[in-house]
Protein backbone atom coordinates (compact mmCIF):
# COMPACT_ATOMS: atom_id res chain seq x y z
CA UNK A 1 -30.34 33.28 36.11
CA UNK A 2 -31.11 33.95 32.43
CA UNK A 3 -29.73 31.53 29.89
CA UNK A 4 -26.86 33.26 27.99
CA UNK A 5 -28.04 31.79 24.68
CA UNK A 6 -31.53 33.26 25.07
CA UNK A 7 -30.12 36.64 26.07
CA UNK A 8 -27.85 36.67 23.00
CA UNK A 9 -30.77 35.72 20.75
CA UNK A 10 -32.82 38.60 22.18
CA UNK A 11 -30.01 41.09 21.52
CA UNK A 12 -29.59 39.77 17.95
CA UNK A 13 -33.35 40.09 17.31
CA UNK A 14 -33.38 43.66 18.66
CA UNK A 15 -30.44 44.59 16.42
CA UNK A 16 -32.19 43.08 13.38
CA UNK A 17 -35.38 45.07 14.07
CA UNK A 18 -33.39 48.28 14.57
CA UNK A 19 -31.51 47.63 11.34
CA UNK A 20 -34.73 47.11 9.36
CA UNK A 21 -36.27 50.24 10.86
CA UNK A 22 -33.24 52.28 9.79
CA UNK A 23 -33.35 50.87 6.25
CA UNK A 24 -37.08 51.05 5.64
CA UNK A 25 -39.44 48.24 4.70
CA UNK A 26 -37.63 47.46 1.44
CA UNK A 27 -34.31 46.85 3.21
CA UNK A 28 -31.05 48.64 2.61
CA UNK A 29 -30.48 50.28 -0.75
CA UNK A 30 -27.23 50.08 -2.67
CA UNK A 31 -24.18 51.12 -0.72
CA UNK A 32 -23.21 54.72 -1.56
CA UNK A 33 -20.10 55.03 -3.70
CA UNK A 34 -17.12 56.90 -2.21
CA UNK A 35 -17.88 60.62 -2.02
CA UNK A 36 -21.62 60.12 -2.56
CA UNK A 37 -23.76 61.92 0.00
CA UNK A 38 -26.61 59.81 1.43
CA UNK A 39 -30.14 61.07 0.77
CA UNK A 40 -32.91 59.76 3.03
CA UNK A 41 -36.07 58.13 1.70
CA UNK A 42 -38.51 59.26 0.34
CA UNK A 43 -36.56 62.34 -0.85
CA UNK A 44 -34.23 60.03 -2.80
CA UNK A 45 -37.17 59.23 -5.13
CA UNK A 46 -37.18 62.85 -6.33
CA UNK A 47 -33.52 62.85 -7.40
CA UNK A 48 -32.56 62.09 -11.01
CA UNK A 49 -32.65 58.37 -11.75
CA UNK A 50 -32.04 58.80 -15.48
CA UNK A 51 -31.25 61.49 -18.03
CA UNK A 52 -32.56 61.91 -21.56
CA UNK A 53 -31.21 64.00 -24.40
CA UNK A 54 -34.36 65.79 -25.52
CA UNK A 55 -35.44 65.77 -29.21
CA UNK A 56 -35.12 69.61 -29.29
CA UNK A 57 -31.30 69.10 -29.27
CA UNK A 58 -29.58 70.14 -32.49
CA UNK A 59 -27.04 72.35 -34.23
CA UNK A 60 -27.69 76.09 -34.04
CA UNK A 61 -26.26 79.49 -34.87
CA UNK A 62 -26.02 81.46 -31.63
CA UNK A 63 -25.45 85.03 -32.81
CA UNK A 64 -27.36 87.22 -35.27
CA UNK A 65 -24.42 87.37 -37.70
CA UNK A 66 -24.32 83.58 -37.98
CA UNK A 67 -20.73 83.46 -36.75
CA UNK A 68 -20.85 81.31 -33.64
CA UNK A 69 -22.15 77.84 -34.30
CA UNK A 70 -22.65 74.97 -31.96
CA UNK A 71 -25.05 72.52 -30.46
CA UNK A 72 -28.07 73.54 -28.44
CA UNK A 73 -28.41 70.64 -26.04
CA UNK A 74 -31.68 70.10 -24.22
CA UNK A 75 -31.43 67.48 -21.52
CA UNK A 76 -34.07 66.19 -19.15
CA UNK A 77 -33.44 64.63 -15.75
CA UNK A 78 -36.11 62.13 -14.70
CA UNK A 79 -36.91 61.03 -11.15
CA UNK A 80 -38.06 57.59 -9.93
CA UNK A 81 -41.61 58.34 -11.14
CA UNK A 82 -40.46 59.31 -14.65
CA UNK A 83 -41.19 63.00 -14.03
CA UNK A 84 -38.82 65.81 -15.04
CA UNK A 85 -36.82 67.03 -12.05
CA UNK A 86 -33.92 69.33 -11.24
CA UNK A 87 -30.41 67.91 -11.24
CA UNK A 88 -27.52 69.25 -9.16
CA UNK A 89 -24.10 68.11 -10.34
CA UNK A 90 -22.08 68.17 -13.56
CA UNK A 91 -23.16 67.45 -17.11
CA UNK A 92 -20.43 66.32 -19.50
CA UNK A 93 -21.13 66.24 -23.22
CA UNK A 94 -19.07 64.44 -25.86
CA UNK A 95 -19.61 64.76 -29.60
CA UNK A 96 -18.52 61.94 -31.91
CA UNK A 97 -18.44 61.21 -35.60
CA UNK A 98 -21.23 58.85 -36.62
CA UNK A 99 -20.19 55.40 -37.84
CA UNK A 100 -22.96 53.88 -39.98
CA UNK A 101 -23.63 50.12 -39.89
CA UNK A 102 -21.67 49.71 -36.67
CA UNK A 103 -22.63 48.13 -33.36
CA UNK A 104 -21.20 51.19 -31.58
CA UNK A 105 -21.95 54.23 -33.76
CA UNK A 106 -19.37 56.45 -32.00
CA UNK A 107 -16.35 57.25 -34.12
CA UNK A 108 -13.64 59.81 -33.43
CA UNK A 109 -14.39 62.24 -30.61
CA UNK A 110 -14.89 65.76 -32.00
CA UNK A 111 -15.65 67.77 -28.87
CA UNK A 112 -15.94 67.71 -25.08
CA UNK A 113 -17.81 70.17 -22.84
CA UNK A 114 -18.35 70.26 -19.06
CA UNK A 115 -21.11 72.23 -17.38
CA UNK A 116 -21.27 72.40 -13.59
CA UNK A 117 -24.80 72.99 -12.28
CA UNK A 118 -24.20 72.13 -8.63
CA UNK A 119 -24.67 75.72 -7.43
CA UNK A 120 -28.36 76.76 -7.31
CA UNK A 121 -27.84 80.10 -9.13
CA UNK A 122 -25.94 78.47 -12.00
CA UNK A 123 -28.47 75.63 -12.10
CA UNK A 124 -31.31 78.12 -12.52
CA UNK A 125 -29.52 79.83 -15.44
CA UNK A 126 -29.70 76.61 -17.49
CA UNK A 127 -33.21 75.52 -16.41
CA UNK A 128 -36.08 76.07 -18.87
CA UNK A 129 -39.30 75.89 -16.85
CA UNK A 130 -41.49 75.63 -19.97
CA UNK A 131 -39.88 72.49 -21.42
CA UNK A 132 -38.64 71.31 -17.99
CA UNK A 133 -35.21 70.69 -19.50
CA UNK A 134 -31.74 72.06 -19.05
CA UNK A 135 -30.39 74.08 -21.96
CA UNK A 136 -26.69 74.19 -22.79
CA UNK A 137 -25.28 76.11 -25.75
CA UNK A 138 -22.11 74.23 -26.66
CA UNK A 139 -20.03 76.44 -28.93
CA UNK A 140 -18.22 74.73 -31.75
CA UNK A 141 -16.19 76.69 -34.28
CA UNK A 142 -15.75 73.93 -36.85
CA UNK A 143 -17.92 74.05 -39.99
CA UNK A 144 -20.91 71.75 -39.60
CA UNK A 145 -22.27 70.49 -42.92
CA UNK A 146 -26.06 70.30 -42.96
CA UNK A 147 -27.30 66.73 -43.04
CA UNK A 148 -24.26 65.18 -41.33
CA UNK A 149 -24.95 62.66 -38.54
CA UNK A 150 -23.28 62.89 -35.14
CA UNK A 151 -23.47 61.02 -31.86
CA UNK A 152 -23.94 63.12 -28.73
CA UNK A 153 -23.18 61.41 -25.41
CA UNK A 154 -24.21 62.92 -22.07
CA UNK A 155 -22.97 61.96 -18.61
CA UNK A 156 -24.39 63.34 -15.38
CA UNK A 157 -22.32 63.09 -12.17
CA UNK A 158 -23.60 64.20 -8.78
CA UNK A 159 -22.66 63.76 -5.13
CA UNK A 160 -26.28 62.63 -4.55
CA UNK A 161 -26.90 60.01 -7.28
CA UNK A 162 -25.26 57.33 -9.32
CA UNK A 163 -23.61 58.43 -12.58
CA UNK A 164 -26.21 58.65 -15.37
CA UNK A 165 -25.74 58.28 -19.15
CA UNK A 166 -27.57 58.86 -22.41
CA UNK A 167 -26.60 59.17 -26.05
CA UNK A 168 -28.43 60.21 -29.19
CA UNK A 169 -27.70 60.25 -32.91
CA UNK A 170 -28.80 63.50 -34.52
CA UNK A 171 -28.55 65.16 -37.92
CA UNK A 172 -27.09 68.66 -38.18
CA UNK A 173 -29.50 71.29 -39.42
CA UNK A 174 -32.57 69.52 -38.06
């Protein structure tokens, strides 16, 4: 007759080994948030781990007559290796007044835009393969004085990753 304690220890050890095999050698990653779809390793390393508002971002005139003005946002999604990658989800952009000499430079919110790039065809419309950035032309009908500072905040939400953030102070006309 096998000792019940030894049998229980064997079952516990087998469960621990099976658990480690399912998680990988590094152990379990962070628990997915509600609604987040799990992505298996190593594919998860290719998903966006951070976003960056690219220096090409700035105010622009979008039509030849100079009538429609706005912000041409260039945003880069970076994977676990720091390489530019595609991002499937929603980008939200918020434009704020710039508060000089302040710990948080965001003043009054001036604009809000949402761009859904979850669908592959829509995603491809915004992708610039030369700069490896997404391009969004955010129309803004308010007059934008040249030389004025603004704060642009970007948020990326996806069913496959954690929510990602970046913000940048930029000067209109540059």
